[in-house]
Amino acid sequence: VYCWFQPMSFSVPPIPWLTTNFIKSSASPGSYQRSTKMVRDIVSISKNESGYSAVVAGSNNYHINIILTQGTDVICDCSCPDRRGGYCKHTCVVLSQLVGGTSSSSFSSNVVTHVSPVKTTSNVYSSPTSSLVASNVGASLLNELGQLANNFAQTNDGSLLAKIACTIYKNCKEAISNAKYNPNRSLEKLIPLVSFCSQRSHLFSPPSTQLSATIETVARACSHVLIYATDKGKIEELRRLSSARNWFSSSATAYWQDISEIASRTLKTSALN
């Protein structure tokens, strides 16, 4: 099989079923062809339990998350501004280095570690969400939201935004309801929501009014649950994901700053005890 890409080695196993044809068919217009000249722009590719994370240099360093799902499919998200639907050029060039089972693979058949796609996902930029895979709750929720967002990017169907909003509201309500009795379980629901909001921030800006209000809903739920939370790892994860986030309104930004501040205070208090 002829491959446009120049293979490089990043010491990570490939995706056994992935082909260049799959990448081309999933790419946004023109992205695949442009990506063939970008192999040298790849800064890093690393493997995590949910898939892969990578950095590609450009006008900025762009962070790519590649999440393996059940079957032969992947969920990809890039921090670049390309929102035309389909894989952007940064995602395409990273995937080109993960092709397995053909001559276009960067790995020889005698050293390939075959990885079965798993139903665990996590998101978020220099892989801040890798710890989510320990939680089936968080992984399933993030997978569901990611699929809805990807479908919206391809179809521009407004009903998908409504489904995302309903999913967010439902899980925030459940997290608040269980906060006193099982706060750490509630955090498992909220961490993927915060991660999703951060990674897909373009979905929440006006005129996407169906989702805009959910930004504050997520923040208020986090602030409530953090009062009862005791799991230091999850608290730190939430603090890190919510920090330095500026939203489309001062009130939304303030609510998100509250998450980081409350989490920091909780961790400080815990360290003193």
C-alpha atoms as a PDB file:
ATOM      1  CA  VAL A   1       0.000   0.000   0.000  1.00  0.00           C
ATOM      2  CA  TYR A   2       1.481   3.353  -1.016  1.00  0.00           C
ATOM      3  CA  CYS A   3       1.540   5.953   1.708  1.00  0.00           C
ATOM      4  CA  TRP A   4       2.016   9.682   1.342  1.00  0.00           C
ATOM      5  CA  PHE A   5       3.427   9.980   4.832  1.00  0.00           C
ATOM      6  CA  GLN A   6       7.006   9.631   5.954  1.00  0.00           C
ATOM      7  CA  PRO A   7       6.846   7.278   8.953  1.00  0.00           C
ATOM      8  CA  MET A   8       8.521   8.335  12.184  1.00  0.00           C
ATOM      9  CA  SER A   9       8.963   6.416  15.395  1.00  0.00           C
ATOM     10  CA  PHE A  10       7.396   7.715  18.590  1.00  0.00           C
ATOM     11  CA  SER A  11       7.711   4.460  20.559  1.00  0.00           C
ATOM     12  CA  VAL A  12       3.961   3.943  20.800  1.00  0.00           C
ATOM     13  CA  PRO A  13       1.929   0.993  19.495  1.00  0.00           C
ATOM     14  CA  PRO A  14      -0.232   1.581  16.400  1.00  0.00           C
ATOM     15  CA  ILE A  15      -3.972   1.140  16.073  1.00  0.00           C
ATOM     16  CA  PRO A  16      -4.157  -2.322  14.458  1.00  0.00           C
ATOM     17  CA  TRP A  17      -7.191  -1.686  12.234  1.00  0.00           C
ATOM     18  CA  LEU A  18      -6.436   1.924  11.248  1.00  0.00           C
ATOM     19  CA  THR A  19      -5.801   2.580   7.540  1.00  0.00           C
ATOM     20  CA  THR A  20      -4.931   5.633   5.487  1.00  0.00           C
ATOM     21  CA  ASN A  21      -8.251   5.257   3.658  1.00  0.00           C
ATOM     22  CA  PHE A  22     -10.078   5.569   6.978  1.00  0.00           C
ATOM     23  CA  ILE A  23      -8.168   8.767   7.773  1.00  0.00           C
ATOM     24  CA  LYS A  24      -8.886  10.254   4.355  1.00  0.00           C
ATOM     25  CA  SER A  25     -12.589   9.417   4.524  1.00  0.00           C
ATOM     26  CA  SER A  26     -12.896  10.984   7.989  1.00  0.00           C
ATOM     27  CA  ALA A  27     -10.927  14.179   7.284  1.00  0.00           C
ATOM     28  CA  SER A  28     -12.370  17.634   6.788  1.00  0.00           C
ATOM     29  CA  PRO A  29     -11.992  19.074   3.258  1.00  0.00           C
ATOM     30  CA  GLY A  30      -8.354  19.429   2.238  1.00  0.00           C
ATOM     31  CA  SER A  31      -7.028  18.449   5.651  1.00  0.00           C
ATOM     32  CA  TYR A  32      -5.650  15.065   4.683  1.00  0.00           C
ATOM     33  CA  GLN A  33      -3.628  16.397   1.759  1.00  0.00           C
ATOM     34  CA  ARG A  34      -2.165  19.236   3.828  1.00  0.00           C
ATOM     35  CA  SER A  35      -1.279  16.842   6.620  1.00  0.00           C
ATOM     36  CA  THR A  36       1.001  14.817   4.351  1.00  0.00           C
ATOM     37  CA  LYS A  37       3.552  17.638   4.535  1.00  0.00           C
ATOM     38  CA  MET A  38       3.394  18.027   8.312  1.00  0.00           C
ATOM     39  CA  VAL A  39       5.045  14.912   9.720  1.00  0.00           C
ATOM     40  CA  ARG A  40       8.059  16.902  10.896  1.00  0.00           C
ATOM     41  CA  ASP A  41       5.713  19.198  12.826  1.00  0.00           C
ATOM     42  CA  ILE A  42       4.736  16.429  15.235  1.00  0.00           C
ATOM     43  CA  VAL A  43       6.238  17.276  18.620  1.00  0.00           C
ATOM     44  CA  SER A  44       5.136  14.194  20.535  1.00  0.00           C
ATOM     45  CA  ILE A  45       2.775  11.229  20.602  1.00  0.00           C
ATOM     46  CA  SER A  46       2.119   9.311  23.802  1.00  0.00           C
ATOM     47  CA  LYS A  47      -0.106   6.374  24.718  1.00  0.00           C
ATOM     48  CA  ASN A  48      -2.548   6.435  27.595  1.00  0.00           C
ATOM     49  CA  GLU A  49      -5.227   4.053  28.797  1.00  0.00           C
ATOM     50  CA  SER A  50      -7.965   5.673  26.730  1.00  0.00           C
ATOM     51  CA  GLY A  51      -5.999   6.130  23.526  1.00  0.00           C
ATOM     52  CA  TYR A  52      -3.323   8.647  22.610  1.00  0.00           C
ATOM     53  CA  SER A  53      -2.387  12.267  23.175  1.00  0.00           C
ATOM     54  CA  ALA A  54      -0.162  14.291  20.882  1.00  0.00           C
ATOM     55  CA  VAL A  55       1.223  17.748  20.240  1.00  0.00           C
ATOM     56  CA  VAL A  56       1.693  19.209  16.760  1.00  0.00           C
ATOM     57  CA  ALA A  57       3.528  22.478  16.159  1.00  0.00           C
ATOM     58  CA  GLY A  58       1.959  25.237  14.098  1.00  0.00           C
ATOM     59  CA  SER A  59       1.129  28.874  14.732  1.00  0.00           C
ATOM     60  CA  ASN A  60       0.576  27.457  18.236  1.00  0.00           C
ATOM     61  CA  ASN A  61       1.260  24.071  19.759  1.00  0.00           C
ATOM     62  CA  TYR A  62      -1.951  22.136  19.148  1.00  0.00           C
ATOM     63  CA  HIS A  63      -2.985  19.319  21.477  1.00  0.00           C
ATOM     64  CA  ILE A  64      -4.740  16.283  20.056  1.00  0.00           C
ATOM     65  CA  ASN A  65      -6.630  13.616  21.981  1.00  0.00           C
ATOM     66  CA  ILE A  66      -7.364  10.330  20.231  1.00  0.00           C
ATOM     67  CA  ILE A  67      -9.813   8.136  22.098  1.00  0.00           C
ATOM     68  CA  LEU A  68     -10.368   4.487  21.236  1.00  0.00           C
ATOM     69  CA  THR A  69     -13.961   3.288  21.398  1.00  0.00           C
ATOM     70  CA  GLN A  70     -15.557  -0.107  20.989  1.00  0.00           C
ATOM     71  CA  GLY A  71     -15.207  -1.450  17.483  1.00  0.00           C
ATOM     72  CA  THR A  72     -13.259   0.200  14.703  1.00  0.00           C
ATOM     73  CA  ASP A  73     -13.776   3.855  15.471  1.00  0.00           C
ATOM     74  CA  VAL A  74     -11.958   6.657  17.239  1.00  0.00           C
ATOM     75  CA  ILE A  75     -13.002   9.963  18.755  1.00  0.00           C
ATOM     76  CA  CYS A  76     -10.520  12.727  17.975  1.00  0.00           C
ATOM     77  CA  ASP A  77     -10.344  16.246  19.310  1.00  0.00           C
ATOM     78  CA  CYS A  78      -7.816  18.975  18.520  1.00  0.00           C
ATOM     79  CA  SER A  79      -7.329  22.348  20.187  1.00  0.00           C
ATOM     80  CA  CYS A  80      -6.943  24.070  16.797  1.00  0.00           C
ATOM     81  CA  PRO A  81      -9.730  26.388  15.537  1.00  0.00           C
ATOM     82  CA  ASP A  82     -10.750  24.151  12.589  1.00  0.00           C
ATOM     83  CA  ARG A  83     -14.435  23.391  13.204  1.00  0.00           C
ATOM     84  CA  ARG A  84     -15.520  22.373   9.701  1.00  0.00           C
ATOM     85  CA  GLY A  85     -16.282  18.822  10.740  1.00  0.00           C
ATOM     86  CA  GLY A  86     -14.100  15.763  10.254  1.00  0.00           C
ATOM     87  CA  TYR A  87     -10.474  15.358  11.263  1.00  0.00           C
ATOM     88  CA  CYS A  88      -8.310  18.472  11.010  1.00  0.00           C
ATOM     89  CA  LYS A  89      -4.823  18.340   9.462  1.00  0.00           C
ATOM     90  CA  HIS A  90      -3.172  18.020  12.885  1.00  0.00           C
ATOM     91  CA  THR A  91      -5.294  15.001  13.758  1.00  0.00           C
ATOM     92  CA  CYS A  92      -4.653  13.450  10.339  1.00  0.00           C
ATOM     93  CA  VAL A  93      -0.880  13.696  10.608  1.00  0.00           C
ATOM     94  CA  VAL A  94      -0.890  12.143  14.086  1.00  0.00           C
ATOM     95  CA  LEU A  95      -3.179   9.324  12.956  1.00  0.00           C
ATOM     96  CA  SER A  96      -0.820   8.703  10.037  1.00  0.00           C
ATOM     97  CA  GLN A  97       1.794   7.615  12.556  1.00  0.00           C
ATOM     98  CA  LEU A  98      -0.614   5.179  14.204  1.00  0.00           C
ATOM     99  CA  VAL A  99      -1.670   3.251  11.099  1.00  0.00           C
ATOM    100  CA  GLY A 100      -1.318  -0.478  11.754  1.00  0.00           C
ATOM    101  CA  GLY A 101      -1.361  -3.640   9.680  1.00  0.00           C
ATOM    102  CA  THR A 102      -0.197  -2.143   6.371  1.00  0.00           C
ATOM    103  CA  SER A 103       3.047  -1.010   4.836  1.00  0.00           C
ATOM    104  CA  SER A 104       2.150   2.513   5.897  1.00  0.00           C
ATOM    105  CA  SER A 105       2.546   1.575   9.551  1.00  0.00           C
ATOM    106  CA  SER A 106       5.486   3.029  11.426  1.00  0.00           C
ATOM    107  CA  PHE A 107       6.004  -0.326  13.145  1.00  0.00           C
ATOM    108  CA  SER A 108       7.170  -3.690  11.868  1.00  0.00           C
ATOM    109  CA  SER A 109       4.901  -6.658  12.420  1.00  0.00           C
ATOM    110  CA  ASN A 110       7.259  -8.396  14.835  1.00  0.00           C
ATOM    111  CA  VAL A 111       7.195  -5.544  17.351  1.00  0.00           C
ATOM    112  CA  VAL A 112       3.584  -4.410  17.157  1.00  0.00           C
ATOM    113  CA  THR A 113       1.684  -4.593  20.412  1.00  0.00           C
ATOM    114  CA  HIS A 114      -1.896  -5.188  19.424  1.00  0.00           C
ATOM    115  CA  VAL A 115      -4.256  -3.003  21.395  1.00  0.00           C
ATOM    116  CA  SER A 116      -7.941  -3.785  21.591  1.00  0.00           C
ATOM    117  CA  PRO A 117     -10.156  -0.689  21.448  1.00  0.00           C
ATOM    118  CA  VAL A 118     -11.763  -0.135  24.832  1.00  0.00           C
ATOM    119  CA  LYS A 119     -14.911   1.625  25.878  1.00  0.00           C
ATOM    120  CA  THR A 120     -13.140   4.204  28.001  1.00  0.00           C
ATOM    121  CA  THR A 121     -12.601   7.780  27.025  1.00  0.00           C
ATOM    122  CA  SER A 122     -10.986  10.896  28.415  1.00  0.00           C
ATOM    123  CA  ASN A 123     -10.345  14.180  27.267  1.00  0.00           C
ATOM    124  CA  VAL A 124      -9.033  16.626  27.490  1.00  0.00           C
ATOM    125  CA  TYR A 125      -5.077  19.018  26.245  1.00  0.00           C
ATOM    126  CA  SER A 126      -1.693  17.642  27.219  1.00  0.00           C
ATOM    127  CA  SER A 127      -3.767  14.658  28.275  1.00  0.00           C
ATOM    128  CA  PRO A 128      -5.173  16.155  31.484  1.00  0.00           C
ATOM    129  CA  THR A 129      -7.908  13.557  31.450  1.00  0.00           C
ATOM    130  CA  SER A 130      -5.887  10.366  31.407  1.00  0.00           C
ATOM    131  CA  SER A 131      -6.900   9.680  35.010  1.00  0.00           C
ATOM    132  CA  LEU A 132     -10.562   9.567  33.989  1.00  0.00           C
ATOM    133  CA  VAL A 133     -10.164   6.102  32.547  1.00  0.00           C
ATOM    134  CA  ALA A 134     -10.079   4.680  36.055  1.00  0.00           C
ATOM    135  CA  SER A 135     -13.727   5.601  36.285  1.00  0.00           C
ATOM    136  CA  ASN A 136     -16.215   3.810  34.060  1.00  0.00           C
ATOM    137  CA  VAL A 137     -18.709   6.514  34.976  1.00  0.00           C
ATOM    138  CA  GLY A 138     -16.507   9.308  33.681  1.00  0.00           C
ATOM    139  CA  ALA A 139     -15.358   7.361  30.649  1.00  0.00           C
ATOM    140  CA  SER A 140     -18.876   6.478  29.532  1.00  0.00           C
ATOM    141  CA  LEU A 141     -20.149  10.017  30.026  1.00  0.00           C
ATOM    142  CA  LEU A 142     -17.263  11.600  28.153  1.00  0.00           C
ATOM    143  CA  ASN A 143     -17.681   9.104  25.328  1.00  0.00           C
ATOM    144  CA  GLU A 144     -21.379   9.952  25.043  1.00  0.00           C
ATOM    145  CA  LEU A 145     -20.762  13.709  24.952  1.00  0.00           C
ATOM    146  CA  GLY A 146     -17.864  13.354  22.545  1.00  0.00           C
ATOM    147  CA  GLN A 147     -19.946  11.370  20.078  1.00  0.00           C
ATOM    148  CA  LEU A 148     -22.751  13.933  20.201  1.00  0.00           C
ATOM    149  CA  ALA A 149     -20.280  16.770  19.614  1.00  0.00           C
ATOM    150  CA  ASN A 150     -18.624  14.960  16.724  1.00  0.00           C
ATOM    151  CA  ASN A 151     -22.003  14.275  15.135  1.00  0.00           C
ATOM    152  CA  PHE A 152     -22.922  17.938  15.490  1.00  0.00           C
ATOM    153  CA  ALA A 153     -19.653  18.970  13.828  1.00  0.00           C
ATOM    154  CA  GLN A 154     -20.528  16.785  10.853  1.00  0.00           C
ATOM    155  CA  THR A 155     -24.252  17.579  10.557  1.00  0.00           C
ATOM    156  CA  ASN A 156     -24.788  20.970  12.242  1.00  0.00           C
ATOM    157  CA  ASP A 157     -28.002  19.476  13.630  1.00  0.00           C
ATOM    158  CA  GLY A 158     -29.162  21.755  16.456  1.00  0.00           C
ATOM    159  CA  SER A 159     -31.025  18.927  18.173  1.00  0.00           C
ATOM    160  CA  LEU A 160     -27.655  17.415  19.060  1.00  0.00           C
ATOM    161  CA  LEU A 161     -26.797  20.534  21.070  1.00  0.00           C
ATOM    162  CA  ALA A 162     -30.055  20.076  22.942  1.00  0.00           C
ATOM    163  CA  LYS A 163     -29.088  16.480  23.730  1.00  0.00           C
ATOM    164  CA  ILE A 164     -25.699  17.645  25.011  1.00  0.00           C
ATOM    165  CA  ALA A 165     -27.414  20.227  27.233  1.00  0.00           C
ATOM    166  CA  CYS A 166     -29.846  17.630  28.607  1.00  0.00           C
ATOM    167  CA  THR A 167     -26.999  15.223  29.356  1.00  0.00           C
ATOM    168  CA  ILE A 168     -25.071  17.937  31.186  1.00  0.00           C
ATOM    169  CA  TYR A 169     -28.086  19.084  33.227  1.00  0.00           C
ATOM    170  CA  LYS A 170     -29.019  15.503  34.129  1.00  0.00           C
ATOM    171  CA  ASN A 171     -25.552  14.623  35.396  1.00  0.00           C
ATOM    172  CA  CYS A 172     -25.141  17.893  37.284  1.00  0.00           C
ATOM    173  CA  LYS A 173     -28.449  17.268  39.047  1.00  0.00           C
ATOM    174  CA  GLU A 174     -27.419  13.722  39.978  1.00  0.00           C
ATOM    175  CA  ALA A 175     -24.022  14.910  41.206  1.00  0.00           C
ATOM    176  CA  ILE A 176     -25.602  17.519  43.477  1.00  0.00           C
ATOM    177  CA  SER A 177     -28.208  15.054  44.779  1.00  0.00           C
ATOM    178  CA  ASN A 178     -25.528  12.551  45.799  1.00  0.00           C
ATOM    179  CA  ALA A 179     -22.968  15.070  47.056  1.00  0.00           C
ATOM    180  CA  LYS A 180     -23.573  14.516  50.777  1.00  0.00           C
ATOM    181  CA  TYR A 181     -23.687  10.735  50.566  1.00  0.00           C
ATOM    182  CA  ASN A 182     -21.071   9.950  47.925  1.00  0.00           C
ATOM    183  CA  PRO A 183     -19.218  13.137  46.946  1.00  0.00           C
ATOM    184  CA  ASN A 184     -16.337  11.351  45.264  1.00  0.00           C
ATOM    185  CA  ARG A 185     -18.766   9.494  43.020  1.00  0.00           C
ATOM    186  CA  SER A 186     -20.306  12.855  42.185  1.00  0.00           C
ATOM    187  CA  LEU A 187     -16.870  14.141  41.209  1.00  0.00           C
ATOM    188  CA  GLU A 188     -16.585  11.233  38.776  1.00  0.00           C
ATOM    189  CA  LYS A 189     -19.593  12.684  36.960  1.00  0.00           C
ATOM    190  CA  LEU A 190     -18.398  16.277  37.081  1.00  0.00           C
ATOM    191  CA  ILE A 191     -14.776  15.833  35.990  1.00  0.00           C
ATOM    192  CA  PRO A 192     -15.722  14.641  32.477  1.00  0.00           C
ATOM    193  CA  LEU A 193     -18.240  17.494  32.211  1.00  0.00           C
ATOM    194  CA  VAL A 194     -15.563  20.071  33.063  1.00  0.00           C
ATOM    195  CA  SER A 195     -13.136  18.395  30.683  1.00  0.00           C
ATOM    196  CA  PHE A 196     -15.708  18.353  27.881  1.00  0.00           C
ATOM    197  CA  CYS A 197     -16.592  22.018  28.404  1.00  0.00           C
ATOM    198  CA  SER A 198     -12.927  22.998  28.308  1.00  0.00           C
ATOM    199  CA  GLN A 199     -12.077  21.010  25.210  1.00  0.00           C
ATOM    200  CA  ARG A 200     -15.234  21.905  23.280  1.00  0.00           C
ATOM    201  CA  SER A 201     -15.459  25.501  24.489  1.00  0.00           C
ATOM    202  CA  HIS A 202     -16.485  26.705  21.012  1.00  0.00           C
ATOM    203  CA  LEU A 203     -19.814  24.897  21.429  1.00  0.00           C
ATOM    204  CA  PHE A 204     -20.755  26.969  24.466  1.00  0.00           C
ATOM    205  CA  SER A 205     -20.223  30.468  23.109  1.00  0.00           C
ATOM    206  CA  PRO A 206     -23.175  32.477  21.775  1.00  0.00           C
ATOM    207  CA  PRO A 207     -25.030  32.030  19.481  1.00  0.00           C
ATOM    208  CA  SER A 208     -25.011  28.429  20.784  1.00  0.00           C
ATOM    209  CA  THR A 209     -27.588  29.513  23.349  1.00  0.00           C
ATOM    210  CA  GLN A 210     -28.776  25.965  23.980  1.00  0.00           C
ATOM    211  CA  LEU A 211     -25.465  25.228  25.669  1.00  0.00           C
ATOM    212  CA  SER A 212     -24.333  28.624  26.948  1.00  0.00           C
ATOM    213  CA  ALA A 213     -26.250  28.385  30.219  1.00  0.00           C
ATOM    214  CA  THR A 214     -24.829  24.957  31.015  1.00  0.00           C
ATOM    215  CA  ILE A 215     -21.384  26.473  31.628  1.00  0.00           C
ATOM    216  CA  GLU A 216     -22.601  28.072  34.842  1.00  0.00           C
ATOM    217  CA  THR A 217     -24.624  24.976  35.739  1.00  0.00           C
ATOM    218  CA  VAL A 218     -21.497  22.813  35.639  1.00  0.00           C
ATOM    219  CA  ALA A 219     -19.525  25.335  37.691  1.00  0.00           C
ATOM    220  CA  ARG A 220     -22.196  25.640  40.388  1.00  0.00           C
ATOM    221  CA  ALA A 221     -22.479  21.865  40.647  1.00  0.00           C
ATOM    222  CA  CYS A 222     -18.707  21.552  41.064  1.00  0.00           C
ATOM    223  CA  SER A 223     -18.608  24.210  43.778  1.00  0.00           C
ATOM    224  CA  HIS A 224     -21.378  22.425  45.670  1.00  0.00           C
ATOM    225  CA  VAL A 225     -19.829  18.960  45.473  1.00  0.00           C
ATOM    226  CA  LEU A 226     -16.352  20.200  46.412  1.00  0.00           C
ATOM    227  CA  ILE A 227     -17.679  21.178  49.837  1.00  0.00           C
ATOM    228  CA  TYR A 228     -18.066  17.474  50.647  1.00  0.00           C
ATOM    229  CA  ALA A 229     -15.353  15.893  48.489  1.00  0.00           C
ATOM    230  CA  THR A 230     -12.399  14.055  50.054  1.00  0.00           C
ATOM    231  CA  ASP A 231     -10.612  12.369  47.138  1.00  0.00           C
ATOM    232  CA  LYS A 232      -7.468  14.488  46.705  1.00  0.00           C
ATOM    233  CA  GLY A 233      -6.708  13.113  43.260  1.00  0.00           C
ATOM    234  CA  LYS A 234     -10.145  13.961  41.890  1.00  0.00           C
ATOM    235  CA  ILE A 235     -10.135  17.375  43.557  1.00  0.00           C
ATOM    236  CA  GLU A 236      -6.766  18.199  42.021  1.00  0.00           C
ATOM    237  CA  GLU A 237      -7.979  16.972  38.624  1.00  0.00           C
ATOM    238  CA  LEU A 238     -10.992  19.240  38.831  1.00  0.00           C
ATOM    239  CA  ARG A 239      -8.864  22.198  39.932  1.00  0.00           C
ATOM    240  CA  ARG A 240      -6.451  21.710  37.061  1.00  0.00           C
ATOM    241  CA  LEU A 241      -9.135  21.319  34.414  1.00  0.00           C
ATOM    242  CA  SER A 242     -11.028  24.429  35.509  1.00  0.00           C
ATOM    243  CA  SER A 243      -8.099  26.798  36.039  1.00  0.00           C
ATOM    244  CA  ALA A 244      -7.267  29.723  33.728  1.00  0.00           C
ATOM    245  CA  ARG A 245     -10.512  29.425  31.788  1.00  0.00           C
ATOM    246  CA  ASN A 246     -12.056  32.588  30.359  1.00  0.00           C
ATOM    247  CA  TRP A 247     -15.583  32.272  29.044  1.00  0.00           C
ATOM    248  CA  PHE A 248     -17.839  34.471  26.933  1.00  0.00           C
ATOM    249  CA  SER A 249     -19.217  36.325  29.954  1.00  0.00           C
ATOM    250  CA  SER A 250     -17.722  37.653  33.166  1.00  0.00           C
ATOM    251  CA  SER A 251     -20.236  35.706  35.261  1.00  0.00           C
ATOM    252  CA  ALA A 252     -19.378  32.388  33.608  1.00  0.00           C
ATOM    253  CA  THR A 253     -15.671  33.073  34.071  1.00  0.00           C
ATOM    254  CA  ALA A 254     -16.237  33.960  37.741  1.00  0.00           C
ATOM    255  CA  TYR A 255     -18.152  30.734  38.381  1.00  0.00           C
ATOM    256  CA  TRP A 256     -15.300  28.727  36.886  1.00  0.00           C
ATOM    257  CA  GLN A 257     -12.744  30.608  38.952  1.00  0.00           C
ATOM    258  CA  ASP A 258     -14.765  29.551  41.990  1.00  0.00           C
ATOM    259  CA  ILE A 259     -14.182  25.893  41.103  1.00  0.00           C
ATOM    260  CA  SER A 260     -10.423  26.342  41.080  1.00  0.00           C
ATOM    261  CA  GLU A 261     -10.390  28.432  44.251  1.00  0.00           C
ATOM    262  CA  ILE A 262     -12.638  26.083  46.238  1.00  0.00           C
ATOM    263  CA  ALA A 263     -10.638  23.063  45.087  1.00  0.00           C
ATOM    264  CA  SER A 264      -7.383  24.762  46.101  1.00  0.00           C
ATOM    265  CA  ARG A 265      -8.777  25.621  49.543  1.00  0.00           C
ATOM    266  CA  THR A 266     -10.064  22.084  50.015  1.00  0.00           C
ATOM    267  CA  LEU A 267      -6.675  20.615  49.153  1.00  0.00           C
ATOM    268  CA  LYS A 268      -4.913  23.069  51.467  1.00  0.00           C
ATOM    269  CA  THR A 269      -7.253  22.262  54.349  1.00  0.00           C
ATOM    270  CA  SER A 270      -6.805  18.549  53.746  1.00  0.00           C
ATOM    271  CA  ALA A 271      -3.020  18.917  53.838  1.00  0.00           C
ATOM    272  CA  LEU A 272      -3.194  20.656  57.217  1.00  0.00           C
ATOM    273  CA  ASN A 273      -5.296  17.908  58.795  1.00  0.00           C
END
